[in-house]
Amino acid sequence: MLTPALARRLRDESGLLWSPVAGDRFVIDAELLADQVFWISDLTVEPQSFGGVTVLGFNGTTEWALDSVDLDQALWLPREDQLRELLGDRLASVHRTDSGWEVRYAAGDGTRHTVTGADLECAYALALLTL
């Protein structure tokens, strides 16, 4: 799974924007809750808009004293398929190695690059950060 630290770099360094949809994962970007991963779902956590501001509403969650959090308090943890889609046709190949994953991709100038990561989502994120 993509680490919060790497997700934060994607947001801060690449300007990756998030429009929450069902199935998305996120953490609340606060020290006490950073290890709790939440999923957007039509039944439990759903994006809601109030006065043009998107909040993540927690519906019927008894274990958390949360009604909603502002979107800027949440840190999106893109899934493997979402990261692969962001790489698009720049993605050349993916290979499993003894130590993890190797991702080969083309930069905007056509040069080929390779990154490796212990987790495929992390390898994809590292590739996106170099673009």
N, C-alpha and C. Protein backbone atom coordinates (compact mmCIF):
# COMPACT_ATOMS: atom_id res chain seq x y z
N MET A 1 0.85 -1.17 0.00
CA MET A 1 0.00 0.00 0.00
C MET A 1 0.90 1.24 0.00
N LEU A 2 0.45 2.24 -0.68
CA LEU A 2 1.15 3.52 -0.73
C LEU A 2 1.27 4.09 0.67
N THR A 3 2.45 4.54 1.02
CA THR A 3 2.66 5.11 2.36
C THR A 3 2.12 6.54 2.41
N PRO A 4 1.67 6.98 3.58
CA PRO A 4 1.23 8.37 3.70
C PRO A 4 2.34 9.35 3.33
N ALA A 5 3.58 9.05 3.68
CA ALA A 5 4.69 9.96 3.34
C ALA A 5 4.82 10.13 1.83
N LEU A 6 4.70 9.05 1.09
CA LEU A 6 4.80 9.13 -0.37
C LEU A 6 3.55 9.79 -0.96
N ALA A 7 2.39 9.52 -0.39
CA ALA A 7 1.16 10.19 -0.84
C ALA A 7 1.25 11.69 -0.62
N ARG A 8 1.83 12.09 0.51
CA ARG A 8 2.01 13.52 0.80
C ARG A 8 2.95 14.16 -0.22
N ARG A 9 4.02 13.44 -0.60
CA ARG A 9 4.93 13.97 -1.63
C ARG A 9 4.19 14.12 -2.96
N LEU A 10 3.36 13.15 -3.32
CA LEU A 10 2.59 13.26 -4.57
C LEU A 10 1.72 14.51 -4.55
N ARG A 11 1.05 14.73 -3.43
CA ARG A 11 0.18 15.91 -3.31
C ARG A 11 0.99 17.20 -3.35
N ASP A 12 2.05 17.26 -2.56
CA ASP A 12 2.79 18.51 -2.39
C ASP A 12 3.75 18.82 -3.53
N GLU A 13 4.42 17.81 -4.06
CA GLU A 13 5.44 18.05 -5.08
C GLU A 13 4.90 18.00 -6.50
N SER A 14 3.87 17.19 -6.73
CA SER A 14 3.37 17.08 -8.10
C SER A 14 2.05 17.82 -8.30
N GLY A 15 1.45 18.28 -7.21
CA GLY A 15 0.18 18.99 -7.33
C GLY A 15 -0.98 18.08 -7.67
N LEU A 16 -0.85 16.79 -7.39
CA LEU A 16 -1.90 15.82 -7.68
C LEU A 16 -3.17 16.19 -6.93
N LEU A 17 -4.25 16.39 -7.66
CA LEU A 17 -5.53 16.78 -7.07
C LEU A 17 -6.42 15.56 -6.89
N TRP A 18 -7.28 15.61 -5.89
CA TRP A 18 -8.15 14.50 -5.57
C TRP A 18 -9.60 14.92 -5.64
N SER A 19 -10.38 14.19 -6.43
CA SER A 19 -11.83 14.33 -6.44
C SER A 19 -12.38 13.00 -5.93
N PRO A 20 -12.76 12.94 -4.66
CA PRO A 20 -13.12 11.66 -4.03
C PRO A 20 -14.27 10.95 -4.73
N VAL A 21 -14.09 9.64 -4.88
CA VAL A 21 -15.13 8.76 -5.42
C VAL A 21 -15.13 7.47 -4.60
N ALA A 22 -16.22 6.74 -4.69
CA ALA A 22 -16.34 5.47 -3.96
C ALA A 22 -15.15 4.57 -4.29
N GLY A 23 -14.59 3.96 -3.26
CA GLY A 23 -13.45 3.07 -3.42
C GLY A 23 -12.11 3.71 -3.10
N ASP A 24 -12.07 5.05 -3.04
CA ASP A 24 -10.82 5.73 -2.72
C ASP A 24 -10.45 5.51 -1.26
N ARG A 25 -9.14 5.44 -1.02
CA ARG A 25 -8.62 5.31 0.34
C ARG A 25 -8.01 6.64 0.78
N PHE A 26 -8.07 6.90 2.09
CA PHE A 26 -7.45 8.11 2.61
C PHE A 26 -7.15 7.93 4.08
N VAL A 27 -6.27 8.77 4.58
CA VAL A 27 -6.03 8.89 6.01
C VAL A 27 -6.34 10.33 6.39
N ILE A 28 -6.67 10.53 7.64
CA ILE A 28 -6.83 11.89 8.13
C ILE A 28 -5.43 12.36 8.50
N ASP A 29 -5.01 13.44 7.89
CA ASP A 29 -3.62 13.88 8.00
C ASP A 29 -3.37 14.58 9.34
N ALA A 30 -3.49 13.79 10.41
CA ALA A 30 -3.23 14.25 11.77
C ALA A 30 -2.54 13.10 12.50
N GLU A 31 -1.61 13.43 13.35
CA GLU A 31 -0.77 12.42 14.00
C GLU A 31 -1.56 11.30 14.66
N LEU A 32 -2.63 11.63 15.37
CA LEU A 32 -3.38 10.61 16.10
C LEU A 32 -4.18 9.67 15.20
N LEU A 33 -4.47 10.07 13.98
CA LEU A 33 -5.29 9.26 13.09
C LEU A 33 -4.56 8.77 11.85
N ALA A 34 -3.30 9.10 11.69
CA ALA A 34 -2.58 8.82 10.46
C ALA A 34 -2.45 7.33 10.16
N ASP A 35 -2.58 6.47 11.15
CA ASP A 35 -2.45 5.04 10.90
C ASP A 35 -3.79 4.36 10.61
N GLN A 36 -4.87 5.13 10.59
CA GLN A 36 -6.20 4.60 10.30
C GLN A 36 -6.58 4.90 8.86
N VAL A 37 -6.69 3.87 8.04
CA VAL A 37 -7.05 4.05 6.63
C VAL A 37 -8.57 3.95 6.50
N PHE A 38 -9.16 4.93 5.81
CA PHE A 38 -10.59 4.96 5.55
C PHE A 38 -10.83 4.76 4.05
N TRP A 39 -12.02 4.29 3.71
CA TRP A 39 -12.42 4.12 2.32
C TRP A 39 -13.69 4.92 2.07
N ILE A 40 -13.72 5.58 0.91
CA ILE A 40 -14.94 6.28 0.50
C ILE A 40 -15.96 5.21 0.11
N SER A 41 -17.16 5.33 0.65
CA SER A 41 -18.23 4.39 0.36
C SER A 41 -19.55 5.14 0.44
N ASP A 42 -20.47 4.77 -0.39
CA ASP A 42 -21.77 5.41 -0.34
C ASP A 42 -22.49 5.16 0.98
N LEU A 43 -22.06 4.14 1.72
CA LEU A 43 -22.74 3.80 2.97
C LEU A 43 -22.09 4.39 4.21
N THR A 44 -20.76 4.52 4.21
CA THR A 44 -20.11 4.96 5.45
C THR A 44 -19.38 6.29 5.35
N VAL A 45 -18.56 6.49 4.34
CA VAL A 45 -17.84 7.75 4.17
C VAL A 45 -18.11 8.24 2.75
N GLU A 46 -18.73 9.40 2.64
CA GLU A 46 -19.04 9.90 1.31
C GLU A 46 -18.71 11.38 1.19
N PRO A 47 -18.26 11.79 -0.01
CA PRO A 47 -18.01 13.22 -0.23
C PRO A 47 -19.34 13.98 -0.22
N GLN A 48 -19.36 15.11 0.47
CA GLN A 48 -20.53 15.96 0.51
C GLN A 48 -20.08 17.38 0.25
N SER A 49 -20.91 18.15 -0.40
CA SER A 49 -20.55 19.53 -0.72
C SER A 49 -21.49 20.48 0.01
N PHE A 50 -20.88 21.42 0.74
CA PHE A 50 -21.63 22.44 1.47
C PHE A 50 -21.06 23.79 1.10
N GLY A 51 -21.85 24.60 0.44
CA GLY A 51 -21.40 25.93 0.06
C GLY A 51 -20.15 25.92 -0.80
N GLY A 52 -20.03 24.94 -1.68
CA GLY A 52 -18.88 24.85 -2.57
C GLY A 52 -17.64 24.23 -1.95
N VAL A 53 -17.74 23.79 -0.69
CA VAL A 53 -16.61 23.15 0.00
C VAL A 53 -16.92 21.67 0.14
N THR A 54 -15.98 20.82 -0.27
CA THR A 54 -16.16 19.38 -0.14
C THR A 54 -15.68 18.92 1.21
N VAL A 55 -16.52 18.15 1.89
CA VAL A 55 -16.15 17.51 3.15
C VAL A 55 -16.40 16.01 2.98
N LEU A 56 -15.73 15.22 3.81
CA LEU A 56 -15.95 13.78 3.83
C LEU A 56 -16.83 13.47 5.02
N GLY A 57 -18.07 13.07 4.74
CA GLY A 57 -19.04 12.80 5.79
C GLY A 57 -18.96 11.37 6.27
N PHE A 58 -18.90 11.18 7.58
CA PHE A 58 -18.87 9.85 8.18
C PHE A 58 -20.29 9.51 8.61
N ASN A 59 -20.89 8.57 7.92
CA ASN A 59 -22.29 8.22 8.14
C ASN A 59 -22.39 6.97 9.02
N GLY A 60 -22.95 7.11 10.19
CA GLY A 60 -23.23 5.96 11.03
C GLY A 60 -22.02 5.26 11.61
N THR A 61 -20.91 5.95 11.72
CA THR A 61 -19.72 5.32 12.30
C THR A 61 -19.72 5.58 13.80
N THR A 62 -20.02 4.57 14.56
CA THR A 62 -20.12 4.74 16.01
C THR A 62 -18.77 4.74 16.70
N GLU A 63 -17.75 4.12 16.08
CA GLU A 63 -16.47 4.03 16.74
C GLU A 63 -15.67 5.33 16.65
N TRP A 64 -16.10 6.28 15.84
CA TRP A 64 -15.37 7.54 15.69
C TRP A 64 -16.29 8.69 16.04
N ALA A 65 -15.77 9.64 16.74
CA ALA A 65 -16.54 10.83 17.07
C ALA A 65 -16.35 11.85 15.95
N LEU A 66 -16.63 11.43 14.73
CA LEU A 66 -16.46 12.29 13.56
C LEU A 66 -17.79 12.42 12.83
N ASP A 67 -18.12 13.63 12.48
CA ASP A 67 -19.25 13.84 11.59
C ASP A 67 -18.73 14.02 10.17
N SER A 68 -17.69 14.85 10.05
CA SER A 68 -17.09 15.09 8.74
C SER A 68 -15.73 15.74 8.94
N VAL A 69 -14.91 15.66 7.91
CA VAL A 69 -13.62 16.36 7.89
C VAL A 69 -13.51 17.08 6.56
N ASP A 70 -12.87 18.25 6.58
CA ASP A 70 -12.63 18.97 5.33
C ASP A 70 -11.70 18.14 4.46
N LEU A 71 -11.87 18.26 3.17
CA LEU A 71 -11.06 17.50 2.23
C LEU A 71 -9.58 17.80 2.40
N ASP A 72 -9.24 19.04 2.78
CA ASP A 72 -7.82 19.36 2.94
C ASP A 72 -7.21 18.75 4.20
N GLN A 73 -8.03 18.14 5.07
CA GLN A 73 -7.52 17.41 6.23
C GLN A 73 -7.28 15.94 5.91
N ALA A 74 -7.73 15.51 4.75
CA ALA A 74 -7.59 14.11 4.36
C ALA A 74 -6.45 13.98 3.35
N LEU A 75 -5.76 12.87 3.43
CA LEU A 75 -4.65 12.59 2.53
C LEU A 75 -5.01 11.37 1.70
N TRP A 76 -5.18 11.58 0.40
CA TRP A 76 -5.56 10.52 -0.53
C TRP A 76 -4.42 9.53 -0.67
N LEU A 77 -4.75 8.24 -0.61
CA LEU A 77 -3.80 7.16 -0.86
C LEU A 77 -4.21 6.49 -2.16
N PRO A 78 -3.75 7.00 -3.31
CA PRO A 78 -4.17 6.42 -4.58
C PRO A 78 -3.86 4.93 -4.66
N ARG A 79 -4.78 4.18 -5.26
CA ARG A 79 -4.60 2.75 -5.47
C ARG A 79 -3.69 2.50 -6.67
N GLU A 80 -3.28 1.26 -6.81
CA GLU A 80 -2.40 0.86 -7.91
C GLU A 80 -3.02 1.20 -9.27
N ASP A 81 -4.29 0.92 -9.45
CA ASP A 81 -4.93 1.19 -10.74
C ASP A 81 -5.01 2.69 -11.03
N GLN A 82 -5.21 3.50 -9.99
CA GLN A 82 -5.27 4.95 -10.18
C GLN A 82 -3.90 5.52 -10.54
N LEU A 83 -2.85 5.01 -9.89
CA LEU A 83 -1.50 5.47 -10.19
C LEU A 83 -1.09 5.05 -11.60
N ARG A 84 -1.45 3.82 -11.98
CA ARG A 84 -1.14 3.33 -13.33
C ARG A 84 -1.86 4.18 -14.37
N GLU A 85 -3.10 4.56 -14.10
CA GLU A 85 -3.85 5.41 -15.03
C GLU A 85 -3.19 6.78 -15.16
N LEU A 86 -2.69 7.32 -14.05
CA LEU A 86 -2.00 8.61 -14.11
C LEU A 86 -0.72 8.54 -14.94
N LEU A 87 -0.04 7.41 -14.90
CA LEU A 87 1.15 7.24 -15.74
C LEU A 87 0.77 7.14 -17.22
N GLY A 88 -0.40 6.57 -17.46
CA GLY A 88 -0.93 6.50 -18.83
C GLY A 88 0.00 5.77 -19.79
N ASP A 89 0.09 6.30 -21.02
CA ASP A 89 0.88 5.63 -22.05
C ASP A 89 2.38 5.83 -21.87
N ARG A 90 2.78 6.57 -20.83
CA ARG A 90 4.21 6.68 -20.52
C ARG A 90 4.75 5.41 -19.89
N LEU A 91 3.86 4.58 -19.33
CA LEU A 91 4.26 3.33 -18.71
C LEU A 91 4.71 2.35 -19.79
N ALA A 92 5.95 1.88 -19.68
CA ALA A 92 6.49 0.94 -20.67
C ALA A 92 6.38 -0.50 -20.19
N SER A 93 6.77 -0.76 -18.94
CA SER A 93 6.72 -2.13 -18.43
C SER A 93 6.80 -2.15 -16.92
N VAL A 94 6.34 -3.27 -16.37
CA VAL A 94 6.41 -3.53 -14.94
C VAL A 94 6.95 -4.93 -14.76
N HIS A 95 7.94 -5.06 -13.88
CA HIS A 95 8.53 -6.38 -13.63
C HIS A 95 8.67 -6.62 -12.14
N ARG A 96 8.34 -7.84 -11.74
CA ARG A 96 8.55 -8.26 -10.35
C ARG A 96 10.02 -8.64 -10.21
N THR A 97 10.66 -8.18 -9.15
CA THR A 97 12.05 -8.52 -8.87
C THR A 97 12.12 -9.21 -7.51
N ASP A 98 13.29 -9.67 -7.15
CA ASP A 98 13.46 -10.31 -5.85
C ASP A 98 13.18 -9.35 -4.69
N SER A 99 13.43 -8.07 -4.92
CA SER A 99 13.25 -7.09 -3.85
C SER A 99 11.98 -6.25 -3.97
N GLY A 100 11.17 -6.48 -4.99
CA GLY A 100 9.94 -5.70 -5.14
C GLY A 100 9.50 -5.57 -6.58
N TRP A 101 9.39 -4.33 -7.05
CA TRP A 101 8.86 -4.04 -8.38
C TRP A 101 9.75 -3.05 -9.11
N GLU A 102 9.87 -3.25 -10.41
CA GLU A 102 10.62 -2.35 -11.27
C GLU A 102 9.65 -1.78 -12.30
N VAL A 103 9.59 -0.47 -12.38
CA VAL A 103 8.69 0.21 -13.31
C VAL A 103 9.54 0.98 -14.31
N ARG A 104 9.30 0.72 -15.60
CA ARG A 104 9.98 1.45 -16.66
C ARG A 104 8.96 2.34 -17.34
N TYR A 105 9.37 3.58 -17.61
CA TYR A 105 8.45 4.55 -18.19
C TYR A 105 9.23 5.56 -19.02
N ALA A 106 8.49 6.29 -19.84
CA ALA A 106 9.09 7.30 -20.71
C ALA A 106 8.76 8.69 -20.16
N ALA A 107 9.76 9.55 -20.14
CA ALA A 107 9.56 10.95 -19.74
C ALA A 107 8.98 11.71 -20.94
N GLY A 108 8.63 12.96 -20.73
CA GLY A 108 8.06 13.77 -21.80
C GLY A 108 8.96 13.94 -23.00
N ASP A 109 10.27 13.87 -22.78
CA ASP A 109 11.21 14.01 -23.90
C ASP A 109 11.51 12.68 -24.58
N GLY A 110 10.84 11.60 -24.15
CA GLY A 110 11.02 10.30 -24.77
C GLY A 110 12.09 9.43 -24.13
N THR A 111 12.87 9.99 -23.20
CA THR A 111 13.90 9.18 -22.56
C THR A 111 13.25 8.15 -21.63
N ARG A 112 13.87 6.99 -21.55
CA ARG A 112 13.37 5.89 -20.72
C ARG A 112 14.00 5.96 -19.33
N HIS A 113 13.19 5.68 -18.32
CA HIS A 113 13.66 5.69 -16.94
C HIS A 113 13.15 4.45 -16.23
N THR A 114 13.80 4.10 -15.14
CA THR A 114 13.41 2.96 -14.32
C THR A 114 13.45 3.36 -12.86
N VAL A 115 12.40 2.98 -12.12
CA VAL A 115 12.38 3.14 -10.67
C VAL A 115 12.03 1.79 -10.06
N THR A 116 12.44 1.59 -8.83
CA THR A 116 12.11 0.35 -8.13
C THR A 116 11.49 0.69 -6.78
N GLY A 117 10.63 -0.19 -6.33
CA GLY A 117 10.01 -0.02 -5.03
C GLY A 117 9.62 -1.37 -4.47
N ALA A 118 9.58 -1.46 -3.16
CA ALA A 118 9.21 -2.72 -2.51
C ALA A 118 7.74 -3.06 -2.79
N ASP A 119 6.94 -2.04 -3.05
CA ASP A 119 5.51 -2.18 -3.30
C ASP A 119 5.21 -1.56 -4.67
N LEU A 120 4.31 -2.15 -5.44
CA LEU A 120 4.03 -1.64 -6.78
C LEU A 120 3.45 -0.23 -6.74
N GLU A 121 2.57 0.06 -5.78
CA GLU A 121 2.01 1.41 -5.68
C GLU A 121 3.11 2.43 -5.41
N CYS A 122 4.06 2.08 -4.56
CA CYS A 122 5.17 2.99 -4.27
C CYS A 122 6.04 3.21 -5.49
N ALA A 123 6.29 2.15 -6.26
CA ALA A 123 7.10 2.28 -7.48
C ALA A 123 6.39 3.19 -8.49
N TYR A 124 5.10 3.01 -8.67
CA TYR A 124 4.34 3.89 -9.57
C TYR A 124 4.41 5.35 -9.09
N ALA A 125 4.25 5.55 -7.78
CA ALA A 125 4.29 6.91 -7.23
C ALA A 125 5.66 7.55 -7.46
N LEU A 126 6.73 6.80 -7.28
CA LEU A 126 8.08 7.32 -7.52
C LEU A 126 8.24 7.72 -8.98
N ALA A 127 7.69 6.93 -9.89
CA ALA A 127 7.75 7.28 -11.31
C ALA A 127 7.00 8.59 -11.57
N LEU A 128 5.82 8.74 -10.99
CA LEU A 128 5.04 9.96 -11.17
C LEU A 128 5.77 11.17 -10.62
N LEU A 129 6.47 11.01 -9.52
CA LEU A 129 7.20 12.12 -8.93
C LEU A 129 8.33 12.61 -9.83
N THR A 130 8.89 11.74 -10.65
CA THR A 130 9.98 12.17 -11.54
C THR A 130 9.44 12.83 -12.79
N LEU A 131 8.16 12.65 -13.08
CA LEU A 131 7.58 13.29 -14.26
C LEU A 131 7.20 14.69 -13.89
